[in-house]
Amino acid sequence: MKHLMTFNEKMALKNYDSYIKLVAKAYAEAPDFEESEKYRWDILNKSNYTFFKRLISKVEVIFITTDKSKDGDRIDILDKSYPVEFMAGDPYETQKEMRNEYMRDRRLYISMDYSEHPVFSVIDNIVFRTVHDYIVHILSDVDFSGKGEIAAFNAHAKLAPKESLPAIFTEVVGQAAAFLVYGEFPKQKITVLNGFDYKNLGGVDGYDIVNKELVVHENKHI
C-alpha cells in the first residue's frame, strides 16, 4: 500500500514544539469567522464527499456516540445507510490500534460527537473525519502526536484542491496545536492562519530554519 506522507525533509524541524506553540497562538488570536474565506471550506466539503464515495467500498464505517439515546440510529450518506452505536469512550487509544483494526477487519469507527461546526453540518463533519482518518491515519500510517498532525495535513493536502489547503491547515494543524498547547478542544473557526508555509511545513514568516530549528529572523520586529 502506497505511503502518502511526503514531508519535505529539507524544511522539516528536529522538534515541532515551538512550531506548534506558534500555530496554537495564531489559532487563538484568529477571528472566529472570516466570510471572505468561507469558500475554502465549501471546496473542501465537496472534495470530502468525493473521497468518501471512493472509500466506502473499501471500509465498513460505523459511527459512534456517547449519547445512549442515539444508539441504534442510522445515518444516510450518499444513498447508503450507516449504523450508529453507543460507545462510552474513544474508539481507539492509539493510531496503531485504529490502523491494526482496519487492516484486520476493514472496519473504521468514527465519532459523531462534538460535530458542531460553523459551516459544516453534522454529516459534513463526520464525512470529513472519516476521509481524514482513512487517508491520514490508515493509508499514511500517521500517529496522533503533534508532529503526526502536521504530517496529517501534509498527507491530506497532497490530494485535496489547492484552494482548500488553508482550510485543512486550520482544521487539522490549527485545532490540534490549540488542543496540545491549551489542553482542551478549541472552538472551530472559519479563518486562515497566515504566515505559515503550507508547502514546506515548519516554515513561519519572521523565522529562519537553522540546523532544522526555528530561529527568529534578525529583521523580525517584536
Protein backbone atom coordinates (compact mmCIF):
# COMPACT_ATOMS: atom_id res chain seq x y z
CA MET A 1 0.00 0.00 0.00
CA LYS A 2 1.49 3.30 -1.08
CA HIS A 3 2.66 5.57 1.74
CA LEU A 4 1.20 9.05 1.23
CA MET A 5 3.18 11.09 3.73
CA THR A 6 5.70 13.19 1.84
CA PHE A 7 7.34 15.60 4.27
CA ASN A 8 9.77 17.98 2.65
CA GLU A 9 12.71 16.80 4.75
CA LYS A 10 14.80 19.81 3.76
CA MET A 11 12.44 22.04 5.72
CA ALA A 12 11.42 19.61 8.47
CA LEU A 13 12.29 20.55 12.03
CA LYS A 14 14.07 18.43 14.60
CA ASN A 15 11.43 19.32 17.14
CA TYR A 16 8.00 20.77 16.41
CA ASP A 17 7.21 22.08 19.91
CA SER A 18 7.99 25.71 19.07
CA TYR A 19 6.14 25.48 15.79
CA ILE A 20 3.07 24.01 17.47
CA LYS A 21 3.08 26.82 20.03
CA LEU A 22 3.20 29.42 17.23
CA VAL A 23 0.30 27.74 15.41
CA ALA A 24 -1.72 27.49 18.63
CA LYS A 25 -1.18 31.19 19.39
CA ALA A 26 -2.19 32.13 15.84
CA TYR A 27 -5.34 30.00 16.11
CA ALA A 28 -6.29 31.52 19.46
CA GLU A 29 -5.84 35.07 18.14
CA ALA A 30 -7.52 34.50 14.77
CA PRO A 31 -11.08 35.74 14.16
CA ASP A 32 -13.86 33.20 14.60
CA PHE A 33 -15.35 33.66 11.15
CA GLU A 34 -13.91 35.23 8.01
CA GLU A 35 -16.73 35.41 5.50
CA SER A 36 -14.26 36.00 2.66
CA GLU A 37 -12.58 32.65 3.39
CA LYS A 38 -15.73 30.52 3.69
CA TYR A 39 -15.44 29.40 0.07
CA ARG A 40 -12.36 27.34 1.01
CA TRP A 41 -14.49 25.21 3.35
CA ASP A 42 -17.11 24.82 0.62
CA ILE A 43 -14.44 23.46 -1.73
CA LEU A 44 -13.08 21.20 1.00
CA ASN A 45 -16.56 19.88 1.77
CA LYS A 46 -17.20 18.96 -1.86
CA SER A 47 -13.83 17.23 -2.02
CA ASN A 48 -14.58 15.28 1.16
CA TYR A 49 -17.70 13.72 -0.34
CA THR A 50 -15.77 12.75 -3.46
CA PHE A 51 -13.20 10.90 -1.35
CA PHE A 52 -15.88 9.39 0.88
CA LYS A 53 -17.64 7.93 -2.16
CA ARG A 54 -14.37 6.28 -3.21
CA LEU A 55 -13.54 4.76 0.16
CA ILE A 56 -16.91 3.33 1.19
CA SER A 57 -16.27 0.21 -0.91
CA LYS A 58 -13.00 -0.39 0.99
CA VAL A 59 -14.05 0.13 4.60
CA GLU A 60 -17.00 -0.59 6.87
CA VAL A 61 -17.77 2.72 8.57
CA ILE A 62 -19.57 2.68 11.93
CA PHE A 63 -20.45 5.97 13.58
CA ILE A 64 -20.31 6.05 17.36
CA THR A 65 -21.59 8.38 20.06
CA THR A 66 -21.51 8.74 23.84
CA ASP A 67 -25.21 9.66 23.69
CA LYS A 68 -27.12 6.45 24.60
CA SER A 69 -30.35 7.84 23.15
CA LYS A 70 -28.84 7.66 19.64
CA ASP A 71 -27.77 4.01 19.90
CA GLY A 72 -29.32 2.09 17.02
CA ASP A 73 -29.94 5.15 14.87
CA ARG A 74 -28.97 5.21 11.20
CA ILE A 75 -27.23 7.94 9.20
CA ASP A 76 -27.79 8.28 5.45
CA ILE A 77 -24.83 9.46 3.38
CA LEU A 78 -24.77 9.35 -0.43
CA ASP A 79 -27.73 6.97 -0.61
CA LYS A 80 -26.23 4.50 1.85
CA SER A 81 -27.29 3.90 5.46
CA TYR A 82 -24.74 3.63 8.27
CA PRO A 83 -25.29 2.36 11.83
CA VAL A 84 -24.85 4.48 14.94
CA GLU A 85 -23.60 2.69 18.06
CA PHE A 86 -23.18 3.84 21.64
CA MET A 87 -19.61 3.78 22.94
CA ALA A 88 -18.65 5.16 26.34
CA GLY A 89 -15.26 6.49 25.29
CA ASP A 90 -12.97 6.95 22.33
CA PRO A 91 -12.94 4.02 19.89
CA TYR A 92 -9.14 3.93 19.75
CA GLU A 93 -6.45 4.77 22.28
CA THR A 94 -3.75 4.96 19.62
CA GLN A 95 -3.43 5.38 15.89
CA LYS A 96 -1.77 1.98 15.75
CA GLU A 97 -4.89 0.40 17.23
CA MET A 98 -7.04 2.15 14.61
CA ARG A 99 -4.88 1.01 11.73
CA ASN A 100 -4.49 -2.54 13.01
CA GLU A 101 -8.25 -2.96 13.35
CA TYR A 102 -8.77 -1.68 9.83
CA MET A 103 -6.10 -3.99 8.43
CA ARG A 104 -7.71 -6.92 10.23
CA ASP A 105 -11.45 -6.25 9.75
CA ARG A 106 -11.63 -3.37 7.25
CA ARG A 107 -13.68 -1.55 9.88
CA LEU A 108 -13.40 2.10 10.97
CA TYR A 109 -15.19 3.68 13.94
CA ILE A 110 -15.83 7.41 13.64
CA SER A 111 -17.17 9.55 16.48
CA MET A 112 -20.09 11.81 15.65
CA ASP A 113 -19.79 13.72 18.93
CA TYR A 114 -18.59 17.34 19.01
CA SER A 115 -19.66 17.85 15.40
CA GLU A 116 -20.96 21.39 15.78
CA HIS A 117 -19.27 23.45 13.09
CA PRO A 118 -19.68 27.00 11.73
CA VAL A 119 -20.40 25.83 8.15
CA PHE A 120 -20.39 22.00 8.08
CA SER A 121 -23.49 20.06 9.02
CA VAL A 122 -23.06 17.13 11.42
CA ILE A 123 -22.94 14.78 8.43
CA ASP A 124 -20.46 17.03 6.60
CA ASN A 125 -18.24 16.98 9.66
CA ILE A 126 -18.25 13.21 10.15
CA VAL A 127 -17.62 12.70 6.44
CA PHE A 128 -14.55 14.92 6.83
CA ARG A 129 -13.43 12.92 9.89
CA THR A 130 -13.86 9.65 8.01
CA VAL A 131 -11.90 10.83 4.99
CA HIS A 132 -9.19 12.36 7.17
CA ASP A 133 -8.74 9.25 9.33
CA TYR A 134 -8.67 6.94 6.34
CA ILE A 135 -6.27 8.98 4.20
CA VAL A 136 -4.01 10.02 7.05
CA HIS A 137 -4.06 7.60 9.94
CA ILE A 138 -4.65 4.43 7.95
CA LEU A 139 -3.14 4.83 4.47
CA SER A 140 -0.34 7.16 5.56
CA ASP A 141 0.18 5.47 8.94
CA VAL A 142 0.47 8.83 10.73
CA ASP A 143 0.10 8.88 14.52
CA PHE A 144 -1.86 11.26 16.77
CA SER A 145 1.15 13.22 18.05
CA GLY A 146 1.79 16.89 17.36
CA LYS A 147 4.25 16.08 14.59
CA GLY A 148 1.81 13.43 13.41
CA GLU A 149 -0.95 16.00 12.94
CA ILE A 150 1.45 18.17 10.96
CA ALA A 151 2.22 15.17 8.78
CA ALA A 152 -1.54 14.57 8.64
CA PHE A 153 -2.04 17.92 6.97
CA ASN A 154 0.72 17.13 4.51
CA ALA A 155 -0.82 13.79 3.56
CA HIS A 156 -4.32 15.20 3.12
CA ALA A 157 -3.06 18.29 1.30
CA LYS A 158 -1.44 16.18 -1.42
CA LEU A 159 -4.88 15.01 -2.53
CA ALA A 160 -7.13 18.00 -1.80
CA PRO A 161 -7.88 21.01 -4.04
CA LYS A 162 -5.25 23.73 -3.70
CA GLU A 163 -7.82 26.35 -2.67
CA SER A 164 -8.80 24.24 0.35
CA LEU A 165 -5.30 23.94 1.85
CA PRO A 166 -5.67 26.91 4.25
CA ALA A 167 -8.94 25.38 5.49
CA ILE A 168 -7.31 21.99 6.04
CA PHE A 169 -4.41 23.64 7.88
CA THR A 170 -6.83 25.43 10.20
CA GLU A 171 -8.97 22.32 10.74
CA VAL A 172 -6.09 19.86 11.25
CA VAL A 173 -2.92 21.61 12.41
CA GLY A 174 -4.58 24.66 13.97
CA GLN A 175 -7.05 22.72 16.10
CA ALA A 176 -4.52 20.04 17.07
CA ALA A 177 -1.96 22.65 18.09
CA ALA A 178 -4.51 24.56 20.17
CA PHE A 179 -5.55 21.33 21.89
CA LEU A 180 -1.96 20.31 22.63
CA VAL A 181 -0.97 23.73 23.99
CA TYR A 182 -4.13 24.76 25.84
CA GLY A 183 -5.39 21.34 26.90
CA GLU A 184 -8.91 21.48 25.52
CA PHE A 185 -10.56 21.16 22.14
CA PRO A 186 -10.81 24.68 20.72
CA LYS A 187 -13.76 26.44 19.17
CA GLN A 188 -13.91 25.58 15.49
CA LYS A 189 -13.19 28.58 13.31
CA ILE A 190 -13.56 29.64 9.71
CA THR A 191 -10.30 31.52 9.46
CA VAL A 192 -6.99 31.38 7.64
CA LEU A 193 -3.81 31.19 9.71
CA ASN A 194 -1.48 33.44 7.77
CA GLY A 195 2.29 33.32 7.94
CA PHE A 196 2.70 29.54 7.79
CA ASP A 197 4.24 27.82 4.78
CA TYR A 198 1.79 25.14 3.60
CA LYS A 199 4.33 23.61 1.21
CA ASN A 200 7.42 23.43 3.41
CA LEU A 201 5.90 22.53 6.75
CA GLY A 202 7.79 24.16 9.57
CA GLY A 203 8.36 27.42 7.75
CA VAL A 204 6.98 30.50 9.50
CA ASP A 205 7.13 34.16 8.44
CA GLY A 206 9.66 36.03 10.55
CA TYR A 207 11.68 32.91 11.34
CA ASP A 208 14.58 31.15 9.71
CA ILE A 209 15.24 27.43 9.86
CA VAL A 210 18.81 26.86 11.01
CA ASN A 211 20.01 23.30 11.56
CA LYS A 212 16.35 22.23 11.43
CA GLU A 213 15.41 24.59 14.27
CA LEU A 214 13.24 27.73 14.19
CA VAL A 215 15.23 30.89 14.82
CA VAL A 216 13.75 34.38 14.96
CA HIS A 217 14.81 36.27 11.84
CA GLU A 218 17.24 39.04 12.69
CA ASN A 219 14.99 41.58 10.97
CA LYS A 220 11.80 40.40 12.69
CA HIS A 221 10.14 43.19 14.65
CA ILE A 222 8.83 42.02 18.02
